[in-house]
N, C-alpha and C. Protein backbone atom coordinates (compact mmCIF):
# COMPACT_ATOMS: atom_id res chain seq x y z
N MET A 1 0.85 -1.20 0.00
CA MET A 1 0.00 0.00 0.00
C MET A 1 0.88 1.24 0.00
N PRO A 2 0.71 2.15 -0.96
CA PRO A 2 1.48 3.40 -0.94
C PRO A 2 1.15 4.20 0.32
N GLU A 3 2.17 4.82 0.88
CA GLU A 3 1.98 5.57 2.12
C GLU A 3 0.93 6.67 1.97
N LYS A 4 0.79 7.23 0.75
CA LYS A 4 -0.16 8.33 0.57
C LYS A 4 -1.60 7.87 0.76
N ARG A 5 -1.85 6.54 0.71
CA ARG A 5 -3.19 6.04 0.93
C ARG A 5 -3.53 5.90 2.40
N LEU A 6 -2.55 6.04 3.27
CA LEU A 6 -2.80 5.91 4.69
C LEU A 6 -3.45 7.16 5.25
N PRO A 7 -4.41 7.01 6.16
CA PRO A 7 -4.91 8.19 6.86
C PRO A 7 -3.79 8.86 7.64
N PRO A 8 -3.94 10.14 7.98
CA PRO A 8 -2.88 10.84 8.70
C PRO A 8 -2.55 10.14 10.01
N GLY A 9 -1.24 10.07 10.30
CA GLY A 9 -0.78 9.52 11.57
C GLY A 9 -0.74 8.01 11.64
N GLN A 10 -1.07 7.31 10.54
CA GLN A 10 -1.10 5.85 10.53
C GLN A 10 0.17 5.26 9.92
N TYR A 11 0.49 4.01 10.28
CA TYR A 11 1.60 3.29 9.69
C TYR A 11 1.21 1.83 9.53
N ILE A 12 1.95 1.10 8.69
CA ILE A 12 1.71 -0.32 8.48
C ILE A 12 2.70 -1.10 9.35
N PRO A 13 2.23 -1.90 10.29
CA PRO A 13 3.15 -2.61 11.18
C PRO A 13 3.76 -3.84 10.50
N ARG A 14 4.92 -4.25 10.97
CA ARG A 14 5.53 -5.49 10.48
C ARG A 14 4.80 -6.70 11.04
N GLU A 15 4.33 -6.59 12.28
CA GLU A 15 3.57 -7.66 12.91
C GLU A 15 2.33 -7.05 13.54
N HIS A 16 1.33 -7.89 13.78
CA HIS A 16 0.09 -7.40 14.37
C HIS A 16 -0.37 -8.32 15.49
N THR A 17 -0.59 -7.73 16.66
CA THR A 17 -1.18 -8.43 17.79
C THR A 17 -2.58 -7.91 18.00
N PRO A 18 -3.59 -8.78 18.08
CA PRO A 18 -4.97 -8.29 18.27
C PRO A 18 -5.09 -7.41 19.51
N VAL A 19 -5.89 -6.35 19.38
CA VAL A 19 -6.11 -5.40 20.47
C VAL A 19 -7.56 -5.50 20.91
N HIS A 20 -7.80 -5.66 22.20
CA HIS A 20 -9.17 -5.66 22.71
C HIS A 20 -9.17 -5.34 24.19
N TYR A 21 -10.34 -4.98 24.67
CA TYR A 21 -10.52 -4.64 26.09
C TYR A 21 -11.16 -5.83 26.80
N GLY A 22 -10.56 -6.28 27.90
CA GLY A 22 -11.13 -7.37 28.68
C GLY A 22 -10.80 -8.74 28.13
N PRO A 23 -11.36 -9.80 28.75
CA PRO A 23 -11.05 -11.17 28.35
C PRO A 23 -11.75 -11.57 27.06
N VAL A 24 -11.24 -12.61 26.43
CA VAL A 24 -11.86 -13.18 25.24
C VAL A 24 -13.00 -14.09 25.70
N PRO A 25 -14.24 -13.82 25.28
CA PRO A 25 -15.37 -14.65 25.74
C PRO A 25 -15.37 -16.03 25.10
N ARG A 26 -15.98 -16.96 25.79
CA ARG A 26 -16.13 -18.31 25.26
C ARG A 26 -17.41 -18.38 24.43
N PHE A 27 -17.32 -19.00 23.26
CA PHE A 27 -18.48 -19.14 22.37
C PHE A 27 -19.22 -20.43 22.70
N ARG A 28 -20.51 -20.31 23.00
CA ARG A 28 -21.38 -21.45 23.25
C ARG A 28 -22.50 -21.41 22.23
N PRO A 29 -22.36 -22.13 21.10
CA PRO A 29 -23.31 -21.98 19.99
C PRO A 29 -24.75 -22.28 20.36
N GLN A 30 -24.99 -23.20 21.30
CA GLN A 30 -26.37 -23.54 21.66
C GLN A 30 -27.04 -22.43 22.46
N ARG A 31 -26.26 -21.58 23.10
CA ARG A 31 -26.81 -20.49 23.91
C ARG A 31 -26.71 -19.13 23.23
N TRP A 32 -25.96 -19.06 22.15
CA TRP A 32 -25.71 -17.79 21.47
C TRP A 32 -26.94 -17.36 20.68
N ASP A 33 -27.24 -16.08 20.70
CA ASP A 33 -28.23 -15.52 19.80
C ASP A 33 -27.82 -14.11 19.41
N PHE A 34 -28.47 -13.60 18.38
CA PHE A 34 -28.22 -12.24 17.92
C PHE A 34 -29.55 -11.52 17.83
N ARG A 35 -29.61 -10.30 18.36
CA ARG A 35 -30.87 -9.56 18.44
C ARG A 35 -30.75 -8.19 17.79
N VAL A 36 -31.85 -7.74 17.23
CA VAL A 36 -32.02 -6.36 16.80
C VAL A 36 -33.26 -5.84 17.51
N TYR A 37 -33.10 -4.74 18.23
CA TYR A 37 -34.21 -4.24 19.04
C TYR A 37 -34.13 -2.72 19.13
N GLY A 38 -34.96 -2.13 19.96
CA GLY A 38 -35.01 -0.67 20.07
C GLY A 38 -36.06 -0.10 19.16
N ALA A 39 -35.70 0.93 18.39
CA ALA A 39 -36.64 1.61 17.51
C ALA A 39 -36.79 0.83 16.21
N THR A 40 -37.36 -0.38 16.31
CA THR A 40 -37.57 -1.23 15.14
C THR A 40 -38.97 -1.00 14.57
N GLU A 41 -39.13 -1.37 13.29
CA GLU A 41 -40.44 -1.27 12.66
C GLU A 41 -41.43 -2.21 13.35
N LYS A 42 -40.96 -3.40 13.72
CA LYS A 42 -41.76 -4.35 14.49
C LYS A 42 -41.43 -4.17 15.96
N PRO A 43 -42.41 -3.85 16.81
CA PRO A 43 -42.13 -3.56 18.22
C PRO A 43 -41.42 -4.70 18.95
N GLU A 44 -41.67 -5.95 18.53
CA GLU A 44 -41.06 -7.09 19.23
C GLU A 44 -39.60 -7.32 18.85
N GLY A 45 -39.08 -6.61 17.84
CA GLY A 45 -37.69 -6.78 17.45
C GLY A 45 -37.46 -8.07 16.69
N HIS A 46 -36.20 -8.49 16.62
CA HIS A 46 -35.81 -9.65 15.83
C HIS A 46 -34.75 -10.44 16.58
N ARG A 47 -34.73 -11.77 16.34
CA ARG A 47 -33.76 -12.64 17.00
C ARG A 47 -33.40 -13.79 16.09
N TRP A 48 -32.10 -14.14 16.06
CA TRP A 48 -31.60 -15.28 15.32
C TRP A 48 -30.75 -16.16 16.24
N THR A 49 -30.89 -17.48 16.12
CA THR A 49 -29.94 -18.39 16.73
C THR A 49 -28.67 -18.40 15.88
N TRP A 50 -27.62 -19.06 16.37
CA TRP A 50 -26.39 -19.15 15.59
C TRP A 50 -26.64 -19.91 14.29
N GLU A 51 -27.42 -20.98 14.35
CA GLU A 51 -27.73 -21.74 13.14
C GLU A 51 -28.49 -20.88 12.13
N GLU A 52 -29.45 -20.11 12.60
CA GLU A 52 -30.22 -19.25 11.70
C GLU A 52 -29.35 -18.13 11.13
N PHE A 53 -28.52 -17.54 11.97
CA PHE A 53 -27.68 -16.44 11.50
C PHE A 53 -26.68 -16.94 10.48
N SER A 54 -26.14 -18.13 10.69
CA SER A 54 -25.14 -18.68 9.78
C SER A 54 -25.72 -18.94 8.38
N ALA A 55 -27.04 -19.05 8.28
CA ALA A 55 -27.68 -19.32 6.99
C ALA A 55 -28.02 -18.04 6.23
N LEU A 56 -27.79 -16.88 6.80
CA LEU A 56 -28.13 -15.62 6.13
C LEU A 56 -27.14 -15.34 4.99
N PRO A 57 -27.53 -14.50 4.03
CA PRO A 57 -26.65 -14.22 2.88
C PRO A 57 -25.32 -13.61 3.31
N ARG A 58 -24.26 -14.00 2.61
CA ARG A 58 -22.93 -13.49 2.92
C ARG A 58 -22.29 -12.89 1.69
N THR A 59 -21.40 -11.94 1.94
CA THR A 59 -20.62 -11.36 0.86
C THR A 59 -19.21 -11.14 1.36
N GLU A 60 -18.30 -10.79 0.47
CA GLU A 60 -16.90 -10.57 0.83
C GLU A 60 -16.52 -9.12 0.56
N VAL A 61 -15.73 -8.57 1.46
CA VAL A 61 -15.24 -7.20 1.33
C VAL A 61 -13.74 -7.21 1.62
N VAL A 62 -12.97 -6.52 0.79
CA VAL A 62 -11.54 -6.33 1.05
C VAL A 62 -11.34 -4.85 1.35
N ALA A 63 -10.81 -4.57 2.54
CA ALA A 63 -10.70 -3.17 2.97
C ALA A 63 -9.55 -3.02 3.96
N ASP A 64 -9.00 -1.82 4.03
CA ASP A 64 -7.99 -1.50 5.03
C ASP A 64 -8.66 -1.35 6.40
N PHE A 65 -7.90 -1.69 7.44
CA PHE A 65 -8.41 -1.60 8.81
C PHE A 65 -7.52 -0.63 9.57
N HIS A 66 -8.12 0.45 10.11
CA HIS A 66 -7.37 1.52 10.76
C HIS A 66 -7.64 1.52 12.26
N CYS A 67 -6.60 1.25 13.05
CA CYS A 67 -6.74 1.28 14.51
C CYS A 67 -6.38 2.67 15.04
N VAL A 68 -7.10 3.10 16.06
CA VAL A 68 -6.83 4.41 16.65
C VAL A 68 -5.44 4.47 17.29
N THR A 69 -4.85 3.31 17.59
CA THR A 69 -3.48 3.28 18.14
C THR A 69 -2.43 3.49 17.06
N ARG A 70 -2.89 3.80 15.83
CA ARG A 70 -2.08 4.32 14.72
C ARG A 70 -1.57 3.27 13.73
N PHE A 71 -1.91 2.01 13.89
CA PHE A 71 -1.52 1.07 12.85
C PHE A 71 -2.66 0.85 11.86
N THR A 72 -2.31 0.55 10.63
CA THR A 72 -3.27 0.21 9.58
C THR A 72 -2.90 -1.15 8.99
N LEU A 73 -3.88 -2.04 8.90
CA LEU A 73 -3.70 -3.33 8.23
C LEU A 73 -4.28 -3.21 6.83
N PRO A 74 -3.46 -3.32 5.79
CA PRO A 74 -3.97 -3.13 4.43
C PRO A 74 -4.69 -4.36 3.90
N GLU A 75 -5.76 -4.11 3.17
CA GLU A 75 -6.45 -5.11 2.36
C GLU A 75 -6.79 -6.38 3.13
N VAL A 76 -7.51 -6.21 4.22
CA VAL A 76 -8.02 -7.36 4.98
C VAL A 76 -9.25 -7.89 4.27
N ARG A 77 -9.34 -9.20 4.13
CA ARG A 77 -10.47 -9.82 3.43
C ARG A 77 -11.46 -10.35 4.46
N TRP A 78 -12.64 -9.74 4.50
CA TRP A 78 -13.69 -10.11 5.44
C TRP A 78 -14.84 -10.76 4.68
N SER A 79 -15.58 -11.63 5.36
CA SER A 79 -16.78 -12.23 4.79
C SER A 79 -17.86 -12.25 5.85
N GLY A 80 -19.09 -11.91 5.45
CA GLY A 80 -20.19 -11.91 6.40
C GLY A 80 -21.44 -11.29 5.82
N LEU A 81 -22.37 -10.99 6.70
CA LEU A 81 -23.65 -10.41 6.32
C LEU A 81 -23.52 -8.90 6.17
N PRO A 82 -23.85 -8.33 5.01
CA PRO A 82 -23.81 -6.88 4.88
C PRO A 82 -24.77 -6.21 5.87
N ALA A 83 -24.33 -5.12 6.48
CA ALA A 83 -25.19 -4.41 7.42
C ALA A 83 -26.47 -3.94 6.73
N ALA A 84 -26.37 -3.55 5.48
CA ALA A 84 -27.58 -3.12 4.75
C ALA A 84 -28.58 -4.26 4.62
N GLU A 85 -28.09 -5.49 4.48
CA GLU A 85 -28.97 -6.64 4.40
C GLU A 85 -29.64 -6.90 5.75
N LEU A 86 -28.89 -6.74 6.84
CA LEU A 86 -29.49 -6.87 8.17
C LEU A 86 -30.63 -5.87 8.36
N VAL A 87 -30.39 -4.63 7.95
CA VAL A 87 -31.42 -3.60 8.09
C VAL A 87 -32.63 -3.91 7.22
N SER A 88 -32.40 -4.55 6.09
CA SER A 88 -33.52 -4.97 5.25
C SER A 88 -34.33 -6.08 5.94
N LEU A 89 -33.65 -6.99 6.61
CA LEU A 89 -34.32 -8.08 7.32
C LEU A 89 -34.98 -7.60 8.61
N ALA A 90 -34.40 -6.60 9.22
CA ALA A 90 -34.90 -6.08 10.50
C ALA A 90 -35.01 -4.57 10.38
N PRO A 91 -36.05 -4.05 9.71
CA PRO A 91 -36.13 -2.62 9.42
C PRO A 91 -36.26 -1.77 10.68
N PRO A 92 -35.59 -0.62 10.69
CA PRO A 92 -35.77 0.32 11.78
C PRO A 92 -37.04 1.14 11.59
N ALA A 93 -37.52 1.73 12.66
CA ALA A 93 -38.60 2.70 12.56
C ALA A 93 -38.09 3.93 11.80
N PRO A 94 -38.97 4.68 11.16
CA PRO A 94 -38.53 5.83 10.37
C PRO A 94 -37.72 6.85 11.16
N GLU A 95 -37.96 6.95 12.45
CA GLU A 95 -37.28 7.96 13.26
C GLU A 95 -35.90 7.52 13.75
N ALA A 96 -35.46 6.30 13.47
CA ALA A 96 -34.16 5.82 13.92
C ALA A 96 -33.04 6.55 13.20
N THR A 97 -32.06 7.05 13.93
CA THR A 97 -30.96 7.83 13.36
C THR A 97 -29.59 7.23 13.64
N HIS A 98 -29.49 6.38 14.67
CA HIS A 98 -28.22 5.80 15.10
C HIS A 98 -28.43 4.34 15.48
N VAL A 99 -27.32 3.64 15.63
CA VAL A 99 -27.38 2.31 16.22
C VAL A 99 -26.40 2.27 17.39
N MET A 100 -26.74 1.48 18.40
CA MET A 100 -25.79 1.11 19.43
C MET A 100 -25.42 -0.34 19.18
N VAL A 101 -24.14 -0.59 19.04
CA VAL A 101 -23.63 -1.92 18.76
C VAL A 101 -23.24 -2.56 20.09
N TRP A 102 -23.82 -3.71 20.40
CA TRP A 102 -23.60 -4.36 21.69
C TRP A 102 -22.81 -5.65 21.51
N ALA A 103 -21.89 -5.90 22.43
CA ALA A 103 -21.07 -7.11 22.39
C ALA A 103 -21.14 -7.81 23.74
N GLU A 104 -20.39 -8.92 23.84
CA GLU A 104 -20.29 -9.63 25.12
C GLU A 104 -19.81 -8.67 26.21
N TYR A 105 -20.19 -9.00 27.45
CA TYR A 105 -19.78 -8.24 28.65
C TYR A 105 -20.30 -6.80 28.65
N GLY A 106 -21.30 -6.50 27.82
CA GLY A 106 -21.89 -5.17 27.83
C GLY A 106 -21.09 -4.10 27.11
N TYR A 107 -20.06 -4.48 26.37
CA TYR A 107 -19.29 -3.51 25.59
C TYR A 107 -20.18 -2.92 24.50
N SER A 108 -19.97 -1.64 24.17
CA SER A 108 -20.85 -0.98 23.20
C SER A 108 -20.08 0.07 22.41
N ALA A 109 -20.62 0.41 21.24
CA ALA A 109 -20.12 1.52 20.43
C ALA A 109 -21.29 2.11 19.67
N ASN A 110 -21.36 3.43 19.62
CA ASN A 110 -22.44 4.10 18.89
C ASN A 110 -21.99 4.45 17.48
N VAL A 111 -22.93 4.33 16.53
CA VAL A 111 -22.64 4.58 15.11
C VAL A 111 -23.84 5.27 14.49
N ARG A 112 -23.59 6.27 13.66
CA ARG A 112 -24.68 6.89 12.92
C ARG A 112 -25.26 5.89 11.93
N MET A 113 -26.56 5.97 11.69
CA MET A 113 -27.20 5.03 10.78
C MET A 113 -26.56 5.09 9.39
N ASP A 114 -26.22 6.28 8.92
CA ASP A 114 -25.59 6.40 7.60
C ASP A 114 -24.26 5.66 7.56
N ASP A 115 -23.49 5.70 8.66
CA ASP A 115 -22.23 4.96 8.70
C ASP A 115 -22.48 3.46 8.75
N PHE A 116 -23.50 3.04 9.48
CA PHE A 116 -23.83 1.62 9.58
C PHE A 116 -24.24 1.06 8.21
N LEU A 117 -24.90 1.88 7.41
CA LEU A 117 -25.39 1.45 6.10
C LEU A 117 -24.40 1.71 4.96
N ALA A 118 -23.22 2.20 5.29
CA ALA A 118 -22.24 2.54 4.25
C ALA A 118 -21.77 1.28 3.51
N GLU A 119 -21.33 1.47 2.29
CA GLU A 119 -20.82 0.37 1.49
C GLU A 119 -19.63 -0.29 2.18
N GLY A 120 -19.62 -1.61 2.21
CA GLY A 120 -18.51 -2.34 2.80
C GLY A 120 -18.66 -2.70 4.26
N VAL A 121 -19.72 -2.24 4.92
CA VAL A 121 -19.92 -2.56 6.33
C VAL A 121 -20.52 -3.96 6.45
N LEU A 122 -19.88 -4.79 7.26
CA LEU A 122 -20.27 -6.19 7.39
C LEU A 122 -20.44 -6.59 8.85
N LEU A 123 -21.31 -7.57 9.08
CA LEU A 123 -21.30 -8.36 10.30
C LEU A 123 -20.50 -9.60 9.93
N ALA A 124 -19.23 -9.61 10.25
CA ALA A 124 -18.29 -10.57 9.70
C ALA A 124 -18.17 -11.84 10.55
N THR A 125 -18.10 -12.96 9.85
CA THR A 125 -17.87 -14.26 10.48
C THR A 125 -16.51 -14.84 10.07
N HIS A 126 -15.92 -14.33 8.97
CA HIS A 126 -14.68 -14.87 8.44
C HIS A 126 -13.68 -13.74 8.13
N ARG A 127 -12.41 -14.09 8.23
CA ARG A 127 -11.33 -13.17 7.85
C ARG A 127 -10.30 -13.96 7.06
N ASP A 128 -9.93 -13.43 5.90
CA ASP A 128 -8.94 -14.08 5.04
C ASP A 128 -9.29 -15.53 4.75
N GLY A 129 -10.59 -15.78 4.53
CA GLY A 129 -11.05 -17.09 4.10
C GLY A 129 -11.28 -18.10 5.19
N ALA A 130 -11.03 -17.76 6.45
CA ALA A 130 -11.21 -18.69 7.56
C ALA A 130 -12.11 -18.07 8.62
N PRO A 131 -12.80 -18.89 9.41
CA PRO A 131 -13.60 -18.32 10.50
C PRO A 131 -12.75 -17.44 11.40
N LEU A 132 -13.35 -16.39 11.92
CA LEU A 132 -12.64 -15.52 12.85
C LEU A 132 -12.03 -16.33 13.99
N THR A 133 -10.85 -15.96 14.42
CA THR A 133 -10.27 -16.55 15.62
C THR A 133 -10.93 -15.91 16.84
N PRO A 134 -10.86 -16.56 18.00
CA PRO A 134 -11.44 -15.94 19.20
C PRO A 134 -10.91 -14.53 19.46
N GLU A 135 -9.61 -14.31 19.25
CA GLU A 135 -9.01 -12.99 19.53
C GLU A 135 -9.47 -11.93 18.54
N HIS A 136 -9.94 -12.35 17.38
CA HIS A 136 -10.42 -11.39 16.37
C HIS A 136 -11.94 -11.28 16.35
N GLY A 137 -12.62 -11.87 17.34
CA GLY A 137 -14.04 -11.62 17.48
C GLY A 137 -14.97 -12.78 17.23
N HIS A 138 -14.44 -14.00 17.08
CA HIS A 138 -15.30 -15.17 16.84
C HIS A 138 -16.42 -15.24 17.88
N PRO A 139 -17.67 -15.48 17.41
CA PRO A 139 -18.05 -15.89 16.06
C PRO A 139 -18.47 -14.75 15.14
N LEU A 140 -18.64 -13.53 15.69
CA LEU A 140 -19.23 -12.44 14.89
C LEU A 140 -18.67 -11.11 15.35
N ARG A 141 -18.29 -10.28 14.39
CA ARG A 141 -17.86 -8.92 14.70
C ARG A 141 -18.39 -7.97 13.64
N LEU A 142 -18.50 -6.73 14.01
CA LEU A 142 -18.84 -5.68 13.05
C LEU A 142 -17.56 -5.21 12.38
N VAL A 143 -17.63 -4.89 11.11
CA VAL A 143 -16.50 -4.31 10.38
C VAL A 143 -16.99 -3.03 9.70
N LEU A 144 -16.45 -1.90 10.16
CA LEU A 144 -16.75 -0.58 9.59
C LEU A 144 -15.44 -0.04 9.02
N PRO A 145 -15.09 -0.38 7.79
CA PRO A 145 -13.75 -0.05 7.29
C PRO A 145 -13.43 1.43 7.24
N HIS A 146 -14.46 2.28 7.14
CA HIS A 146 -14.21 3.71 6.98
C HIS A 146 -14.09 4.45 8.32
N LEU A 147 -14.20 3.73 9.44
CA LEU A 147 -14.05 4.33 10.76
C LEU A 147 -12.91 3.65 11.52
N TYR A 148 -12.41 4.30 12.58
CA TYR A 148 -11.39 3.67 13.41
C TYR A 148 -11.90 2.35 13.97
N GLY A 149 -10.96 1.46 14.25
CA GLY A 149 -11.27 0.09 14.57
C GLY A 149 -12.08 -0.15 15.83
N TRP A 150 -12.08 0.79 16.79
CA TRP A 150 -12.86 0.51 18.00
C TRP A 150 -14.36 0.48 17.71
N LYS A 151 -14.78 1.06 16.59
CA LYS A 151 -16.19 0.96 16.19
C LYS A 151 -16.52 -0.41 15.59
N SER A 152 -15.49 -1.15 15.15
CA SER A 152 -15.69 -2.49 14.57
C SER A 152 -15.73 -3.52 15.70
N VAL A 153 -16.82 -3.53 16.41
CA VAL A 153 -16.95 -4.25 17.67
C VAL A 153 -16.80 -5.76 17.49
N LYS A 154 -15.97 -6.37 18.34
CA LYS A 154 -15.81 -7.82 18.36
C LYS A 154 -16.89 -8.47 19.22
N TRP A 155 -17.09 -9.78 19.02
CA TRP A 155 -18.00 -10.59 19.82
C TRP A 155 -19.41 -9.98 19.87
N LEU A 156 -19.87 -9.63 18.69
CA LEU A 156 -21.13 -8.92 18.50
C LEU A 156 -22.32 -9.77 18.94
N ARG A 157 -23.28 -9.14 19.66
CA ARG A 157 -24.48 -9.85 20.11
C ARG A 157 -25.79 -9.14 19.80
N ALA A 158 -25.76 -7.82 19.56
CA ALA A 158 -27.02 -7.13 19.33
C ALA A 158 -26.78 -5.78 18.66
N ILE A 159 -27.81 -5.34 17.94
CA ILE A 159 -27.88 -3.99 17.39
C ILE A 159 -29.14 -3.34 17.96
N GLU A 160 -28.96 -2.18 18.57
CA GLU A 160 -30.09 -1.41 19.10
C GLU A 160 -30.28 -0.17 18.23
N TYR A 161 -31.44 -0.05 17.61
CA TYR A 161 -31.75 1.16 16.85
C TYR A 161 -32.13 2.28 17.81
N LEU A 162 -31.56 3.45 17.57
CA LEU A 162 -31.77 4.60 18.44
C LEU A 162 -32.42 5.75 17.66
N THR A 163 -33.23 6.55 18.36
CA THR A 163 -33.82 7.74 17.75
C THR A 163 -33.01 9.00 18.05
N GLY A 164 -31.89 8.83 18.74
CA GLY A 164 -30.96 9.92 19.02
C GLY A 164 -29.62 9.31 19.37
N ASP A 165 -28.59 10.12 19.42
CA ASP A 165 -27.26 9.60 19.68
C ASP A 165 -27.07 9.33 21.17
N ARG A 166 -26.26 8.32 21.47
CA ARG A 166 -25.89 7.98 22.84
C ARG A 166 -24.50 7.36 22.80
N ARG A 167 -23.58 7.86 23.61
CA ARG A 167 -22.19 7.40 23.52
C ARG A 167 -22.03 5.97 24.02
N GLY A 168 -21.09 5.25 23.37
CA GLY A 168 -20.77 3.91 23.77
C GLY A 168 -19.63 3.86 24.76
N PHE A 169 -19.04 2.68 24.91
CA PHE A 169 -18.03 2.44 25.95
C PHE A 169 -16.84 3.38 25.85
N TRP A 170 -16.13 3.37 24.72
CA TRP A 170 -14.95 4.22 24.60
C TRP A 170 -15.30 5.68 24.38
N GLU A 171 -16.44 5.93 23.78
CA GLU A 171 -16.87 7.32 23.59
C GLU A 171 -17.12 8.00 24.94
N GLU A 172 -17.62 7.24 25.90
CA GLU A 172 -17.82 7.79 27.25
C GLU A 172 -16.49 8.00 27.98
N ARG A 173 -15.43 7.41 27.48
CA ARG A 173 -14.13 7.46 28.13
C ARG A 173 -13.13 8.32 27.36
N GLY A 174 -13.65 9.19 26.49
CA GLY A 174 -12.78 10.19 25.88
C GLY A 174 -12.44 10.00 24.42
N TYR A 175 -12.99 8.96 23.78
CA TYR A 175 -12.76 8.80 22.36
C TYR A 175 -13.79 9.60 21.56
N HIS A 176 -13.43 9.91 20.32
CA HIS A 176 -14.27 10.75 19.47
C HIS A 176 -15.59 10.05 19.16
N ASN A 177 -16.64 10.83 19.04
CA ASN A 177 -17.96 10.26 18.82
C ASN A 177 -18.14 9.68 17.42
N ILE A 178 -17.42 10.21 16.42
CA ILE A 178 -17.60 9.78 15.03
C ILE A 178 -16.52 8.78 14.61
N ALA A 179 -15.24 9.12 14.77
CA ALA A 179 -14.11 8.21 14.54
C ALA A 179 -13.71 8.08 13.08
N ASP A 180 -13.71 9.17 12.34
CA ASP A 180 -13.25 9.16 10.95
C ASP A 180 -11.72 9.22 10.92
N PRO A 181 -11.02 8.18 10.45
CA PRO A 181 -9.56 8.21 10.46
C PRO A 181 -8.96 9.23 9.52
N TRP A 182 -9.66 9.57 8.44
CA TRP A 182 -9.11 10.53 7.48
C TRP A 182 -9.14 11.95 8.05
N ALA A 183 -10.00 12.20 9.02
CA ALA A 183 -10.03 13.48 9.73
C ALA A 183 -9.33 13.40 11.08
N GLU A 184 -8.71 12.26 11.37
CA GLU A 184 -8.01 12.01 12.65
C GLU A 184 -8.91 12.30 13.85
N GLN A 185 -10.11 11.79 13.80
CA GLN A 185 -11.07 12.00 14.89
C GLN A 185 -10.83 10.94 15.97
N ARG A 186 -9.81 11.18 16.79
CA ARG A 186 -9.40 10.21 17.79
C ARG A 186 -10.04 10.46 19.16
N TYR A 187 -10.09 11.72 19.59
CA TYR A 187 -10.46 12.03 20.97
C TYR A 187 -11.63 13.01 21.04
N SER A 188 -12.37 12.93 22.13
CA SER A 188 -13.59 13.73 22.24
C SER A 188 -13.30 15.23 22.29
N TYR A 189 -12.13 15.66 22.78
CA TYR A 189 -11.86 17.10 22.82
C TYR A 189 -11.82 17.70 21.42
N GLN A 190 -11.57 16.85 20.40
CA GLN A 190 -11.54 17.34 19.02
C GLN A 190 -12.94 17.69 18.51
N GLU A 191 -13.96 17.32 19.24
CA GLU A 191 -15.32 17.67 18.83
C GLU A 191 -15.61 19.14 19.09
N GLU A 192 -14.79 19.80 19.91
CA GLU A 192 -14.96 21.23 20.17
C GLU A 192 -14.38 22.04 19.01
N PRO A 193 -15.06 23.11 18.58
CA PRO A 193 -14.56 23.92 17.47
C PRO A 193 -13.13 24.41 17.73
N GLY A 194 -12.28 24.25 16.70
CA GLY A 194 -10.92 24.77 16.80
C GLY A 194 -9.95 23.85 17.49
N GLN A 195 -10.37 22.65 17.89
CA GLN A 195 -9.49 21.72 18.59
C GLN A 195 -9.10 20.56 17.68
N GLY A 196 -7.79 20.29 17.55
CA GLY A 196 -7.33 19.15 16.79
C GLY A 196 -7.53 19.35 15.29
N PRO A 197 -7.36 18.28 14.52
CA PRO A 197 -7.53 18.36 13.05
C PRO A 197 -8.94 18.77 12.69
N PRO A 198 -9.14 19.35 11.52
CA PRO A 198 -10.51 19.72 11.10
C PRO A 198 -11.42 18.51 11.06
N LEU A 199 -12.64 18.70 11.49
CA LEU A 199 -13.62 17.62 11.48
C LEU A 199 -14.36 17.59 10.15
N ALA A 200 -14.68 16.39 9.68
CA ALA A 200 -15.39 16.26 8.41
C ALA A 200 -16.83 16.72 8.57
């Protein structure tokens, strides 16, 4: 990858160690489920078992992965359910503007609906042709290639449709609410006018 394609402040590492907060959860397929709830078109929401979710349509996306800790992994090959397809299967109410992405242990990240529906966004089950490893989010993770990696939540369990914005785990702890790597939106203080790189 030519260096000019890297977002500002990023580099390509020689080696990569997975980064995550807390322990790696154990996958129990018989107890696992995935839910979409909140401001849904159907008040009761939606639920899939692992067997049902595994049967949903899949596609492949090749995209760079940008971590807020400044490394970029070029051309990672992901496979999974497109987020746009999930929204088609589980439509939000017209007033929904954001999603809260929920993972094991209550970890969360907030995303604007437009970012969630962007081209290339996947609920990924595979990386580079193989099932995700536990350290990379097995059995399911979100992949938002156009945002910093903390928004690409590992060990995904639910999507909550929101009618307004609400900060997630790292956003409550000082990370930027949007997380655009090309605008270097790393920290919440940059949301104030005149602070840090220009915001998109």
